C-alpha atoms as a PDB file:
ATOM      1  CA  MET A   1      25.603  -7.359   8.592  1.00  0.00           C
ATOM      2  CA  ALA A   2      29.107  -8.710   7.995  1.00  0.00           C
ATOM      3  CA  ASP A   3      31.903  -6.291   7.063  1.00  0.00           C
ATOM      4  CA  HIS A   4      32.523  -8.116   3.775  1.00  0.00           C
ATOM      5  CA  GLU A   5      28.845  -8.175   2.796  1.00  0.00           C
ATOM      6  CA  GLU A   6      28.179  -6.853  -0.676  1.00  0.00           C
ATOM      7  CA  ARG A   7      24.833  -5.493  -1.847  1.00  0.00           C
ATOM      8  CA  HIS A   8      24.101  -4.438  -5.390  1.00  0.00           C
ATOM      9  CA  GLY A   9      27.805  -4.506  -6.260  1.00  0.00           C
ATOM     10  CA  VAL A  10      28.885  -2.300  -3.333  1.00  0.00           C
ATOM     11  CA  SER A  11      30.772  -3.641  -0.312  1.00  0.00           C
ATOM     12  CA  ARG A  12      29.923  -2.587   3.212  1.00  0.00           C
ATOM     13  CA  ASP A  13      33.381  -1.011   3.515  1.00  0.00           C
ATOM     14  CA  GLN A  14      32.704   1.120   0.416  1.00  0.00           C
ATOM     15  CA  ALA A  15      29.314   2.184   1.785  1.00  0.00           C
ATOM     16  CA  GLU A  16      30.809   3.175   5.132  1.00  0.00           C
ATOM     17  CA  GLU A  17      33.582   5.135   3.412  1.00  0.00           C
ATOM     18  CA  ALA A  18      30.941   7.033   1.436  1.00  0.00           C
ATOM     19  CA  VAL A  19      29.351   8.094   4.738  1.00  0.00           C
ATOM     20  CA  ARG A  20      32.749   9.257   6.038  1.00  0.00           C
ATOM     21  CA  THR A  21      33.179  11.287   2.845  1.00  0.00           C
ATOM     22  CA  LEU A  22      29.824  13.005   3.396  1.00  0.00           C
ATOM     23  CA  LEU A  23      30.691  13.731   7.025  1.00  0.00           C
ATOM     24  CA  ARG A  24      33.949  15.378   5.900  1.00  0.00           C
ATOM     25  CA  TRP A  25      32.113  17.274   3.133  1.00  0.00           C
ATOM     26  CA  ALA A  26      29.603  18.567   5.720  1.00  0.00           C
ATOM     27  CA  GLY A  27      32.533  19.975   7.714  1.00  0.00           C
ATOM     28  CA  ASP A  28      32.970  17.455  10.504  1.00  0.00           C
ATOM     29  CA  ASP A  29      35.672  14.958  11.446  1.00  0.00           C
ATOM     30  CA  PRO A  30      34.583  11.332  11.001  1.00  0.00           C
ATOM     31  CA  THR A  31      37.408  10.222  13.320  1.00  0.00           C
ATOM     32  CA  ARG A  32      36.097  12.091  16.356  1.00  0.00           C
ATOM     33  CA  GLU A  33      34.564   9.936  19.090  1.00  0.00           C
ATOM     34  CA  GLY A  34      30.910  10.812  18.490  1.00  0.00           C
ATOM     35  CA  LEU A  35      31.136   9.959  14.787  1.00  0.00           C
ATOM     36  CA  LEU A  36      33.345   6.851  14.864  1.00  0.00           C
ATOM     37  CA  ASP A  37      30.396   4.428  14.635  1.00  0.00           C
ATOM     38  CA  THR A  38      28.182   6.679  12.524  1.00  0.00           C
ATOM     39  CA  PRO A  39      29.132   5.098   9.154  1.00  0.00           C
ATOM     40  CA  LYS A  40      28.282   1.643  10.518  1.00  0.00           C
ATOM     41  CA  ARG A  41      24.962   2.883  11.911  1.00  0.00           C
ATOM     42  CA  VAL A  42      24.040   4.712   8.696  1.00  0.00           C
ATOM     43  CA  VAL A  43      24.736   1.637   6.561  1.00  0.00           C
ATOM     44  CA  GLU A  44      22.615  -0.505   8.896  1.00  0.00           C
ATOM     45  CA  ALA A  45      19.825   2.095   8.735  1.00  0.00           C
ATOM     46  CA  TYR A  46      19.999   2.089   4.932  1.00  0.00           C
ATOM     47  CA  GLY A  47      19.657  -1.691   4.972  1.00  0.00           C
ATOM     48  CA  ASP A  48      16.379  -1.261   6.859  1.00  0.00           C
ATOM     49  CA  TRP A  49      15.058   1.864   5.140  1.00  0.00           C
ATOM     50  CA  PHE A  50      15.620   0.446   1.658  1.00  0.00           C
ATOM     51  CA  SER A  51      14.808  -3.208   2.245  1.00  0.00           C
ATOM     52  CA  GLY A  52      12.006  -2.863  -0.320  1.00  0.00           C
ATOM     53  CA  TYR A  53      14.509  -3.384  -3.130  1.00  0.00           C
ATOM     54  CA  GLY A  54      14.847  -6.987  -1.972  1.00  0.00           C
ATOM     55  CA  GLU A  55      11.088  -7.613  -1.987  1.00  0.00           C
ATOM     56  CA  GLU A  56       8.677  -8.545  -4.779  1.00  0.00           C
ATOM     57  CA  PRO A  57       5.333  -6.886  -3.890  1.00  0.00           C
ATOM     58  CA  HIS A  58       3.321  -9.080  -6.255  1.00  0.00           C
ATOM     59  CA  GLU A  59       4.338 -12.167  -4.263  1.00  0.00           C
ATOM     60  CA  TYR A  60       2.420 -10.860  -1.236  1.00  0.00           C
ATOM     61  CA  LEU A  61      -0.798 -10.920  -3.253  1.00  0.00           C
ATOM     62  CA  GLU A  62      -0.468 -14.355  -4.834  1.00  0.00           C
ATOM     63  CA  ARG A  63      -2.065 -16.288  -1.956  1.00  0.00           C
ATOM     64  CA  THR A  64      -5.774 -15.534  -2.145  1.00  0.00           C
ATOM     65  CA  PHE A  65      -8.995 -16.884  -0.662  1.00  0.00           C
ATOM     66  CA  GLU A  66     -12.035 -17.769  -2.724  1.00  0.00           C
ATOM     67  CA  GLU A  67     -14.361 -19.120  -0.006  1.00  0.00           C
ATOM     68  CA  VAL A  68     -15.936 -15.776   0.803  1.00  0.00           C
ATOM     69  CA  CYS A  69     -19.630 -16.736   0.297  1.00  0.00           C
ATOM     70  CA  GLY A  70     -19.922 -14.527  -2.760  1.00  0.00           C
ATOM     71  CA  TYR A  71     -18.662 -11.368  -1.029  1.00  0.00           C
ATOM     72  CA  ASP A  72     -18.171  -8.781  -3.740  1.00  0.00           C
ATOM     73  CA  GLU A  73     -18.422  -5.453  -1.937  1.00  0.00           C
ATOM     74  CA  MET A  74     -15.586  -3.015  -1.400  1.00  0.00           C
ATOM     75  CA  ILE A  75     -12.662  -3.974   0.844  1.00  0.00           C
ATOM     76  CA  VAL A  76     -10.728  -1.047   2.297  1.00  0.00           C
ATOM     77  CA  LEU A  77      -7.621  -0.931   4.461  1.00  0.00           C
ATOM     78  CA  ARG A  78      -7.052   2.600   5.650  1.00  0.00           C
ATOM     79  CA  ASP A  79      -4.394   4.460   7.603  1.00  0.00           C
ATOM     80  CA  ILE A  80      -1.464   2.226   6.621  1.00  0.00           C
ATOM     81  CA  GLN A  81       1.375   4.279   8.069  1.00  0.00           C
ATOM     82  CA  PHE A  82       4.662   4.292   6.191  1.00  0.00           C
ATOM     83  CA  GLU A  83       8.055   5.958   6.006  1.00  0.00           C
ATOM     84  CA  SER A  84       9.776   6.412   2.684  1.00  0.00           C
ATOM     85  CA  HIS A  85      12.543   8.604   1.254  1.00  0.00           C
ATOM     86  CA  CYS A  86      12.433  11.176  -1.519  1.00  0.00           C
ATOM     87  CA  GLU A  87      14.506  10.128  -4.495  1.00  0.00           C
ATOM     88  CA  HIS A  88      15.466  13.745  -5.166  1.00  0.00           C
ATOM     89  CA  HIS A  89      16.942  14.695  -1.764  1.00  0.00           C
ATOM     90  CA  MET A  90      17.009  11.384   0.157  1.00  0.00           C
ATOM     91  CA  ALA A  91      14.856  13.081   2.816  1.00  0.00           C
ATOM     92  CA  PRO A  92      12.051  11.261   4.654  1.00  0.00           C
ATOM     93  CA  ILE A  93       8.490  11.068   3.390  1.00  0.00           C
ATOM     94  CA  ILE A  94       6.134  10.229   6.267  1.00  0.00           C
ATOM     95  CA  GLY A  95       2.541   9.357   5.591  1.00  0.00           C
ATOM     96  CA  ARG A  96      -0.345   6.971   5.401  1.00  0.00           C
ATOM     97  CA  ALA A  97      -1.927   5.037   2.594  1.00  0.00           C
ATOM     98  CA  HIS A  98      -5.527   3.975   2.059  1.00  0.00           C
ATOM     99  CA  VAL A  99      -6.093   0.998  -0.239  1.00  0.00           C
ATOM    100  CA  GLY A 100      -9.388  -0.378  -1.514  1.00  0.00           C
ATOM    101  CA  TYR A 101     -10.516  -2.887  -4.108  1.00  0.00           C
ATOM    102  CA  LEU A 102     -13.663  -4.550  -5.435  1.00  0.00           C
ATOM    103  CA  PRO A 103     -12.992  -8.308  -5.378  1.00  0.00           C
ATOM    104  CA  ASP A 104     -13.908 -10.474  -8.328  1.00  0.00           C
ATOM    105  CA  GLY A 105     -14.192 -13.905  -6.711  1.00  0.00           C
ATOM    106  CA  LYS A 106     -11.055 -13.798  -4.551  1.00  0.00           C
ATOM    107  CA  VAL A 107      -9.684 -11.763  -1.680  1.00  0.00           C
ATOM    108  CA  VAL A 108      -6.266 -11.401  -0.100  1.00  0.00           C
ATOM    109  CA  GLY A 109      -5.301 -11.257   3.569  1.00  0.00           C
ATOM    110  CA  ILE A 110      -5.370  -7.639   4.702  1.00  0.00           C
ATOM    111  CA  SER A 111      -1.832  -7.752   6.084  1.00  0.00           C
ATOM    112  CA  LYS A 112      -0.663  -8.423   2.529  1.00  0.00           C
ATOM    113  CA  LEU A 113      -1.994  -5.039   1.398  1.00  0.00           C
ATOM    114  CA  ALA A 114       0.050  -3.369   4.145  1.00  0.00           C
ATOM    115  CA  ARG A 115       3.119  -5.358   3.041  1.00  0.00           C
ATOM    116  CA  VAL A 116       2.681  -4.130  -0.535  1.00  0.00           C
ATOM    117  CA  VAL A 117       2.649  -0.525   0.716  1.00  0.00           C
ATOM    118  CA  GLU A 118       5.779  -1.184   2.807  1.00  0.00           C
ATOM    119  CA  ALA A 119       7.658  -2.860  -0.049  1.00  0.00           C
ATOM    120  CA  TYR A 120       7.209   0.185  -2.280  1.00  0.00           C
ATOM    121  CA  ALA A 121       7.733   2.693   0.549  1.00  0.00           C
ATOM    122  CA  ARG A 122      11.104   1.158   1.466  1.00  0.00           C
ATOM    123  CA  ARG A 123      12.658   2.379  -1.764  1.00  0.00           C
ATOM    124  CA  PHE A 124      13.631   5.818  -3.014  1.00  0.00           C
ATOM    125  CA  GLN A 125      10.325   7.272  -4.133  1.00  0.00           C
ATOM    126  CA  VAL A 126       8.204  10.063  -5.412  1.00  0.00           C
ATOM    127  CA  GLN A 127       4.707   9.901  -3.993  1.00  0.00           C
ATOM    128  CA  GLU A 128       2.973   9.908  -7.364  1.00  0.00           C
ATOM    129  CA  LYS A 129       4.940   6.880  -8.541  1.00  0.00           C
ATOM    130  CA  MET A 130       4.396   4.983  -5.299  1.00  0.00           C
ATOM    131  CA  THR A 131       0.629   5.568  -5.507  1.00  0.00           C
ATOM    132  CA  ALA A 132       0.533   4.237  -9.077  1.00  0.00           C
ATOM    133  CA  GLN A 133       2.769   1.247  -8.260  1.00  0.00           C
ATOM    134  CA  ILE A 134       0.533   0.070  -5.406  1.00  0.00           C
ATOM    135  CA  ALA A 135      -2.614   0.326  -7.522  1.00  0.00           C
ATOM    136  CA  ALA A 136      -1.005  -1.376 -10.516  1.00  0.00           C
ATOM    137  CA  VAL A 137       0.271  -4.424  -8.616  1.00  0.00           C
ATOM    138  CA  ILE A 138      -3.118  -4.973  -6.952  1.00  0.00           C
ATOM    139  CA  GLU A 139      -4.861  -4.738 -10.324  1.00  0.00           C
ATOM    140  CA  ASP A 140      -2.307  -6.985 -12.006  1.00  0.00           C
ATOM    141  CA  VAL A 141      -2.316  -9.805  -9.438  1.00  0.00           C
ATOM    142  CA  LEU A 142      -5.836  -9.816  -7.962  1.00  0.00           C
ATOM    143  CA  LYS A 143      -7.676  -8.819 -11.159  1.00  0.00           C
ATOM    144  CA  PRO A 144     -10.373  -7.027  -9.138  1.00  0.00           C
ATOM    145  CA  ARG A 145     -13.253  -5.023 -10.607  1.00  0.00           C
ATOM    146  CA  GLY A 146     -11.613  -1.858  -9.334  1.00  0.00           C
ATOM    147  CA  VAL A 147      -8.779  -0.469  -7.229  1.00  0.00           C
ATOM    148  CA  GLY A 148      -8.416   2.785  -5.313  1.00  0.00           C
ATOM    149  CA  VAL A 149      -5.275   4.091  -3.606  1.00  0.00           C
ATOM    150  CA  VAL A 150      -4.967   7.409  -1.770  1.00  0.00           C
ATOM    151  CA  ILE A 151      -1.742   8.512  -0.105  1.00  0.00           C
ATOM    152  CA  GLU A 152      -1.304  11.491   2.233  1.00  0.00           C
ATOM    153  CA  ALA A 153       2.241  12.383   3.249  1.00  0.00           C
ATOM    154  CA  SER A 154       4.542  15.107   4.456  1.00  0.00           C
ATOM    155  CA  HIS A 155       7.843  15.577   2.662  1.00  0.00           C
ATOM    156  CA  GLU A 156      10.841  16.536   4.750  1.00  0.00           C
ATOM    157  CA  CYS A 157      12.630  17.797   1.624  1.00  0.00           C
ATOM    158  CA  MET A 158      10.100  20.638   1.727  1.00  0.00           C
ATOM    159  CA  THR A 159       9.850  21.145   5.504  1.00  0.00           C
ATOM    160  CA  THR A 160      13.541  21.002   6.477  1.00  0.00           C
ATOM    161  CA  ARG A 161      15.138  22.673   3.457  1.00  0.00           C
ATOM    162  CA  GLY A 162      14.189  24.906   0.528  1.00  0.00           C
ATOM    163  CA  VAL A 163      10.892  26.652   1.282  1.00  0.00           C
ATOM    164  CA  HIS A 164      10.747  25.351   4.907  1.00  0.00           C
ATOM    165  CA  LYS A 165       6.955  24.943   4.944  1.00  0.00           C
ATOM    166  CA  ARG A 166       5.732  22.876   7.892  1.00  0.00           C
ATOM    167  CA  GLY A 167       2.295  21.339   8.303  1.00  0.00           C
ATOM    168  CA  VAL A 168       1.885  20.774   4.577  1.00  0.00           C
ATOM    169  CA  SER A 169       0.803  17.388   3.299  1.00  0.00           C
ATOM    170  CA  MET A 170       0.523  16.087  -0.226  1.00  0.00           C
ATOM    171  CA  VAL A 171      -2.388  13.907  -1.347  1.00  0.00           C
ATOM    172  CA  THR A 172      -2.228  11.627  -4.388  1.00  0.00           C
ATOM    173  CA  SER A 173      -4.733   9.115  -5.689  1.00  0.00           C
ATOM    174  CA  LYS A 174      -4.961   6.415  -8.315  1.00  0.00           C
ATOM    175  CA  MET A 175      -8.343   4.985  -9.295  1.00  0.00           C
ATOM    176  CA  LEU A 176      -8.680   2.014 -11.639  1.00  0.00           C
ATOM    177  CA  GLY A 177     -11.646   0.070 -13.008  1.00  0.00           C
ATOM    178  CA  GLY A 178     -14.866   0.656 -11.072  1.00  0.00           C
ATOM    179  CA  PHE A 179     -13.218   3.272  -8.863  1.00  0.00           C
ATOM    180  CA  ARG A 180     -12.442   5.377 -11.931  1.00  0.00           C
ATOM    181  CA  ASP A 181     -15.551   4.631 -14.006  1.00  0.00           C
ATOM    182  CA  ASP A 182     -18.281   4.708 -11.335  1.00  0.00           C
ATOM    183  CA  ALA A 183     -18.635   7.943  -9.382  1.00  0.00           C
ATOM    184  CA  ARG A 184     -20.707   6.220  -6.674  1.00  0.00           C
ATOM    185  CA  THR A 185     -17.993   3.624  -6.054  1.00  0.00           C
ATOM    186  CA  ARG A 186     -15.356   6.332  -5.911  1.00  0.00           C
ATOM    187  CA  GLN A 187     -17.456   8.408  -3.477  1.00  0.00           C
ATOM    188  CA  GLU A 188     -18.046   5.366  -1.256  1.00  0.00           C
ATOM    189  CA  PHE A 189     -14.304   4.700  -1.105  1.00  0.00           C
ATOM    190  CA  LEU A 190     -13.524   8.327  -0.282  1.00  0.00           C
ATOM    191  CA  ARG A 191     -16.211   8.289   2.418  1.00  0.00           C
ATOM    192  CA  PHE A 192     -14.737   5.101   3.929  1.00  0.00           C
ATOM    193  CA  ILE A 193     -11.288   6.679   4.240  1.00  0.00           C
ATOM    194  CA  GLY A 194     -12.642   9.916   5.680  1.00  0.00           C
ATOM    195  CA  ASP A 195     -11.831  12.060   2.646  1.00  0.00           C
ATOM    196  CA  PRO A 196     -13.955  15.236   2.605  1.00  0.00           C
ATOM    197  CA  ARG A 197     -14.535  14.721  -1.128  1.00  0.00           C
ATOM    198  CA  GLY A 198     -16.507  11.519  -0.333  1.00  0.00           C
END
């Protein structure tokens, strides 16, 4: 990343100075040897962690395949690991997503489902919103007969600050179409992903 690079109206120099400000606010000296390159490293890390703002998740789903010999049963990709960041405290959210859909004449490459999860995860998030966003884009682009998304994650804003509760995970789900309307479809999906409710 060049020093003069600007992203979203903020120069790299401005971003690095913001990190120095936070280091001073925390009580340390950003000019000491161990912290000299920290602003540069943090800005580079932010470029990676929040690369999802430069991606359009729906574009990953636009290339589909229709030669599937009439396959119309559930397709499930489970255990898609992701790292995100809480929009309230900027702390990590670490988890896994399970995504399923009932195709209606066309399917998408499975890596594209993982890319959709990544694109939304690499933004500031709340888990509920991320779950809904993934389901909505799949429904909007693929027009399947149903979509199911379940996300399980641990939130470092809860484990490293505040109540300091470790080993706690949050589970959210969004069911659309056949996954919402048909209890058998929903139970099959939950069974596929290893959910005890299935």
